[in-house]
Amino acid sequence: TAGAGTQSPMSSRADRAAAVNSPTR
């Protein structure tokens, strides 16, 4: 299925600590 799309993870401790940008933006 082409173009399945992505979502922002922001669920792990490492992601929260690093404040990773939203992949959609």
PDB file of all heavy atoms in Angstrom:
ATOM      1  N   THR A   1       0.861  -1.178   0.000  1.00  0.00           N
ATOM      2  CA  THR A   1       0.000   0.000   0.000  1.00  0.00           C
ATOM      3  C   THR A   1       0.889   1.217   0.000  1.00  0.00           C
ATOM      4  O   THR A   1       1.547   1.524   1.002  1.00  0.00           O
ATOM      5  CB  THR A   1      -0.918   0.028   1.236  1.00  0.00           C
ATOM      6  OG1 THR A   1      -1.684  -1.180   1.254  1.00  0.00           O
ATOM      7  CG2 THR A   1      -1.871   1.201   1.163  1.00  0.00           C
ATOM      8  N   ALA A   2       0.948   1.915  -1.117  1.00  0.00           N
ATOM      9  CA  ALA A   2       1.817   3.086  -1.229  1.00  0.00           C
ATOM     10  C   ALA A   2       1.295   4.225  -0.382  1.00  0.00           C
ATOM     11  O   ALA A   2       0.094   4.381  -0.182  1.00  0.00           O
ATOM     12  CB  ALA A   2       1.910   3.530  -2.684  1.00  0.00           C
ATOM     13  N   GLY A   3       2.250   5.032   0.134  1.00  0.00           N
ATOM     14  CA  GLY A   3       1.870   6.236   0.876  1.00  0.00           C
ATOM     15  C   GLY A   3       1.166   5.945   2.178  1.00  0.00           C
ATOM     16  O   GLY A   3       0.151   6.550   2.507  1.00  0.00           O
ATOM     17  N   ALA A   4       1.690   4.978   2.949  1.00  0.00           N
ATOM     18  CA  ALA A   4       1.041   4.618   4.214  1.00  0.00           C
ATOM     19  C   ALA A   4       1.074   5.750   5.218  1.00  0.00           C
ATOM     20  O   ALA A   4       0.270   5.808   6.140  1.00  0.00           O
ATOM     21  CB  ALA A   4       1.717   3.370   4.802  1.00  0.00           C
ATOM     22  N   GLY A   5       2.031   6.678   5.063  1.00  0.00           N
ATOM     23  CA  GLY A   5       2.073   7.843   5.954  1.00  0.00           C
ATOM     24  C   GLY A   5       2.853   7.575   7.224  1.00  0.00           C
ATOM     25  O   GLY A   5       3.208   6.452   7.530  1.00  0.00           O
ATOM     26  N   THR A   6       3.134   8.642   7.962  1.00  0.00           N
ATOM     27  CA  THR A   6       3.900   8.529   9.195  1.00  0.00           C
ATOM     28  C   THR A   6       3.191   9.274  10.309  1.00  0.00           C
ATOM     29  O   THR A   6       2.343  10.121  10.077  1.00  0.00           O
ATOM     30  CB  THR A   6       5.308   9.124   9.031  1.00  0.00           C
ATOM     31  OG1 THR A   6       5.185  10.506   8.674  1.00  0.00           O
ATOM     32  CG2 THR A   6       6.075   8.393   7.939  1.00  0.00           C
ATOM     33  N   GLN A   7       3.575   8.936  11.539  1.00  0.00           N
ATOM     34  CA  GLN A   7       3.052   9.614  12.706  1.00  0.00           C
ATOM     35  C   GLN A   7       4.220  10.008  13.597  1.00  0.00           C
ATOM     36  O   GLN A   7       5.314   9.483  13.469  1.00  0.00           O
ATOM     37  CB  GLN A   7       2.110   8.686  13.492  1.00  0.00           C
ATOM     38  CG  GLN A   7       0.956   8.134  12.670  1.00  0.00           C
ATOM     39  CD  GLN A   7       0.221   7.066  13.434  1.00  0.00           C
ATOM     40  OE1 GLN A   7       0.205   7.045  14.655  1.00  0.00           O
ATOM     41  NE2 GLN A   7      -0.396   6.155  12.701  1.00  0.00           N
ATOM     42  N   SER A   8       3.963  10.919  14.505  1.00  0.00           N
ATOM     43  CA  SER A   8       4.988  11.309  15.457  1.00  0.00           C
ATOM     44  C   SER A   8       5.053  10.288  16.576  1.00  0.00           C
ATOM     45  O   SER A   8       4.028   9.922  17.150  1.00  0.00           O
ATOM     46  CB  SER A   8       4.659  12.686  16.038  1.00  0.00           C
ATOM     47  OG  SER A   8       5.570  13.011  17.047  1.00  0.00           O
ATOM     48  N   PRO A   9       6.270   9.749  16.907  1.00  0.00           N
ATOM     49  CA  PRO A   9       6.361   8.752  17.968  1.00  0.00           C
ATOM     50  C   PRO A   9       6.196   9.359  19.360  1.00  0.00           C
ATOM     51  O   PRO A   9       5.178   9.177  20.008  1.00  0.00           O
ATOM     52  CB  PRO A   9       7.742   8.147  17.755  1.00  0.00           C
ATOM     53  CG  PRO A   9       8.512   9.184  17.034  1.00  0.00           C
ATOM     54  CD  PRO A   9       7.522   9.992  16.242  1.00  0.00           C
ATOM     55  N   MET A  10       7.203  10.095  19.834  1.00  0.00           N
ATOM     56  CA  MET A  10       7.166  10.792  21.113  1.00  0.00           C
ATOM     57  C   MET A  10       6.673   9.908  22.257  1.00  0.00           C
ATOM     58  O   MET A  10       5.902  10.319  23.102  1.00  0.00           O
ATOM     59  CB  MET A  10       6.277  12.032  21.003  1.00  0.00           C
ATOM     60  CG  MET A  10       6.806  13.078  20.048  1.00  0.00           C
ATOM     61  SD  MET A  10       8.442  13.678  20.489  1.00  0.00           S
ATOM     62  CE  MET A  10       8.060  14.596  21.980  1.00  0.00           C
ATOM     63  N   SER A  11       7.123   8.654  22.297  1.00  0.00           N
ATOM     64  CA  SER A  11       6.626   7.762  23.337  1.00  0.00           C
ATOM     65  C   SER A  11       7.707   7.274  24.290  1.00  0.00           C
ATOM     66  O   SER A  11       7.422   6.942  25.418  1.00  0.00           O
ATOM     67  CB  SER A  11       5.943   6.548  22.690  1.00  0.00           C
ATOM     68  OG  SER A  11       6.849   5.865  21.864  1.00  0.00           O
ATOM     69  N   SER A  12       8.962   7.219  23.845  1.00  0.00           N
ATOM     70  CA  SER A  12      10.010   6.691  24.699  1.00  0.00           C
ATOM     71  C   SER A  12      10.641   7.800  25.537  1.00  0.00           C
ATOM     72  O   SER A  12      10.525   8.977  25.229  1.00  0.00           O
ATOM     73  CB  SER A  12      11.097   6.015  23.846  1.00  0.00           C
ATOM     74  OG  SER A  12      11.832   6.988  23.140  1.00  0.00           O
ATOM     75  N   ARG A  13      11.329   7.386  26.591  1.00  0.00           N
ATOM     76  CA  ARG A  13      12.001   8.362  27.459  1.00  0.00           C
ATOM     77  C   ARG A  13      13.040   9.135  26.664  1.00  0.00           C
ATOM     78  O   ARG A  13      13.193  10.345  26.820  1.00  0.00           O
ATOM     79  CB  ARG A  13      12.674   7.626  28.624  1.00  0.00           C
ATOM     80  CG  ARG A  13      13.306   8.563  29.651  1.00  0.00           C
ATOM     81  CD  ARG A  13      13.832   7.778  30.829  1.00  0.00           C
ATOM     82  NE  ARG A  13      15.115   7.182  30.549  1.00  0.00           N
ATOM     83  CZ  ARG A  13      16.279   7.737  30.850  1.00  0.00           C
ATOM     84  NH1 ARG A  13      16.322   8.938  31.402  1.00  0.00           N
ATOM     85  NH2 ARG A  13      17.416   7.120  30.611  1.00  0.00           N
ATOM     86  N   ALA A  14      13.779   8.431  25.777  1.00  0.00           N
ATOM     87  CA  ALA A  14      14.802   9.095  24.978  1.00  0.00           C
ATOM     88  C   ALA A  14      14.191  10.144  24.064  1.00  0.00           C
ATOM     89  O   ALA A  14      14.729  11.233  23.897  1.00  0.00           O
ATOM     90  CB  ALA A  14      15.569   8.062  24.154  1.00  0.00           C
ATOM     91  N   ASP A  15      13.059   9.841  23.454  1.00  0.00           N
ATOM     92  CA  ASP A  15      12.402  10.815  22.583  1.00  0.00           C
ATOM     93  C   ASP A  15      11.952  12.035  23.368  1.00  0.00           C
ATOM     94  O   ASP A  15      12.105  13.168  22.931  1.00  0.00           O
ATOM     95  CB  ASP A  15      11.173  10.184  21.902  1.00  0.00           C
ATOM     96  CG  ASP A  15      11.562   9.222  20.795  1.00  0.00           C
ATOM     97  OD1 ASP A  15      12.591   9.472  20.152  1.00  0.00           O
ATOM     98  OD2 ASP A  15      10.845   8.242  20.598  1.00  0.00           O
ATOM     99  N   ARG A  16      11.363  11.807  24.548  1.00  0.00           N
ATOM    100  CA  ARG A  16      10.880  12.940  25.338  1.00  0.00           C
ATOM    101  C   ARG A  16      12.040  13.806  25.796  1.00  0.00           C
ATOM    102  O   ARG A  16      11.968  15.033  25.764  1.00  0.00           O
ATOM    103  CB  ARG A  16      10.085  12.429  26.548  1.00  0.00           C
ATOM    104  CG  ARG A  16       8.761  11.783  26.169  1.00  0.00           C
ATOM    105  CD  ARG A  16       7.887  11.610  27.389  1.00  0.00           C
ATOM    106  NE  ARG A  16       8.506  10.766  28.395  1.00  0.00           N
ATOM    107  CZ  ARG A  16       8.386   9.446  28.438  1.00  0.00           C
ATOM    108  NH1 ARG A  16       7.701   8.813  27.497  1.00  0.00           N
ATOM    109  NH2 ARG A  16       8.956   8.727  29.388  1.00  0.00           N
ATOM    110  N   ALA A  17      13.140  13.169  26.208  1.00  0.00           N
ATOM    111  CA  ALA A  17      14.286  13.939  26.700  1.00  0.00           C
ATOM    112  C   ALA A  17      14.919  14.756  25.590  1.00  0.00           C
ATOM    113  O   ALA A  17      15.391  15.868  25.804  1.00  0.00           O
ATOM    114  CB  ALA A  17      15.323  12.995  27.306  1.00  0.00           C
ATOM    115  N   ALA A  18      14.920  14.190  24.384  1.00  0.00           N
ATOM    116  CA  ALA A  18      15.550  14.877  23.266  1.00  0.00           C
ATOM    117  C   ALA A  18      14.630  15.873  22.585  1.00  0.00           C
ATOM    118  O   ALA A  18      15.088  16.685  21.783  1.00  0.00           O
ATOM    119  CB  ALA A  18      16.026  13.844  22.246  1.00  0.00           C
ATOM    120  N   ALA A  19      13.331  15.799  22.869  1.00  0.00           N
ATOM    121  CA  ALA A  19      12.352  16.710  22.269  1.00  0.00           C
ATOM    122  C   ALA A  19      12.437  16.690  20.753  1.00  0.00           C
ATOM    123  O   ALA A  19      12.604  17.702  20.087  1.00  0.00           O
ATOM    124  CB  ALA A  19      12.536  18.130  22.790  1.00  0.00           C
ATOM    125  N   VAL A  20      12.355  15.490  20.180  1.00  0.00           N
ATOM    126  CA  VAL A  20      12.468  15.309  18.741  1.00  0.00           C
ATOM    127  C   VAL A  20      11.301  15.990  18.055  1.00  0.00           C
ATOM    128  O   VAL A  20      10.175  15.941  18.518  1.00  0.00           O
ATOM    129  CB  VAL A  20      12.472  13.805  18.388  1.00  0.00           C
ATOM    130  CG1 VAL A  20      12.597  13.612  16.889  1.00  0.00           C
ATOM    131  CG2 VAL A  20      13.608  13.105  19.100  1.00  0.00           C
ATOM    132  N   ASN A  21      11.563  16.642  16.912  1.00  0.00           N
ATOM    133  CA  ASN A  21      10.517  17.319  16.155  1.00  0.00           C
ATOM    134  C   ASN A  21       9.509  16.341  15.599  1.00  0.00           C
ATOM    135  O   ASN A  21       9.828  15.185  15.347  1.00  0.00           O
ATOM    136  CB  ASN A  21      11.128  18.097  14.985  1.00  0.00           C
ATOM    137  CG  ASN A  21      11.841  19.337  15.453  1.00  0.00           C
ATOM    138  OD1 ASN A  21      11.631  19.791  16.566  1.00  0.00           O
ATOM    139  ND2 ASN A  21      12.698  19.867  14.599  1.00  0.00           N
ATOM    140  N   SER A  22       8.295  16.797  15.376  1.00  0.00           N
ATOM    141  CA  SER A  22       7.255  15.992  14.753  1.00  0.00           C
ATOM    142  C   SER A  22       7.639  15.659  13.326  1.00  0.00           C
ATOM    143  O   SER A  22       7.963  16.548  12.552  1.00  0.00           O
ATOM    144  CB  SER A  22       5.926  16.756  14.742  1.00  0.00           C
ATOM    145  OG  SER A  22       5.033  16.159  13.833  1.00  0.00           O
ATOM    146  N   PRO A  23       7.608  14.359  12.927  1.00  0.00           N
ATOM    147  CA  PRO A  23       7.970  14.017  11.567  1.00  0.00           C
ATOM    148  C   PRO A  23       7.019  14.602  10.542  1.00  0.00           C
ATOM    149  O   PRO A  23       7.410  14.891   9.428  1.00  0.00           O
ATOM    150  CB  PRO A  23       7.916  12.481  11.546  1.00  0.00           C
ATOM    151  CG  PRO A  23       7.221  12.075  12.778  1.00  0.00           C
ATOM    152  CD  PRO A  23       7.347  13.191  13.762  1.00  0.00           C
ATOM    153  N   THR A  24       5.781  14.791  10.912  1.00  0.00           N
ATOM    154  CA  THR A  24       4.837  15.351   9.951  1.00  0.00           C
ATOM    155  C   THR A  24       5.233  16.766   9.575  1.00  0.00           C
ATOM    156  O   THR A  24       5.241  17.150   8.410  1.00  0.00           O
ATOM    157  CB  THR A  24       3.417  15.361  10.548  1.00  0.00           C
ATOM    158  OG1 THR A  24       3.093  14.029  10.942  1.00  0.00           O
ATOM    159  CG2 THR A  24       2.412  15.834   9.525  1.00  0.00           C
ATOM    160  N   ARG A  25       5.631  17.597  10.579  1.00  0.00           N
ATOM    161  CA  ARG A  25       6.038  18.953  10.292  1.00  0.00           C
ATOM    162  C   ARG A  25       7.331  18.964   9.493  1.00  0.00           C
ATOM    163  O   ARG A  25       7.499  19.721   8.554  1.00  0.00           O
ATOM    164  CB  ARG A  25       6.253  19.727  11.593  1.00  0.00           C
ATOM    165  CG  ARG A  25       4.999  19.948  12.404  1.00  0.00           C
ATOM    166  CD  ARG A  25       5.207  21.125  13.351  1.00  0.00           C
ATOM    167  NE  ARG A  25       6.476  21.081  14.028  1.00  0.00           N
ATOM    168  CZ  ARG A  25       6.686  20.493  15.205  1.00  0.00           C
ATOM    169  NH1 ARG A  25       5.725  19.863  15.804  1.00  0.00           N
ATOM    170  NH2 ARG A  25       7.867  20.513  15.758  1.00  0.00           N
TER     171      ARG A  25
END
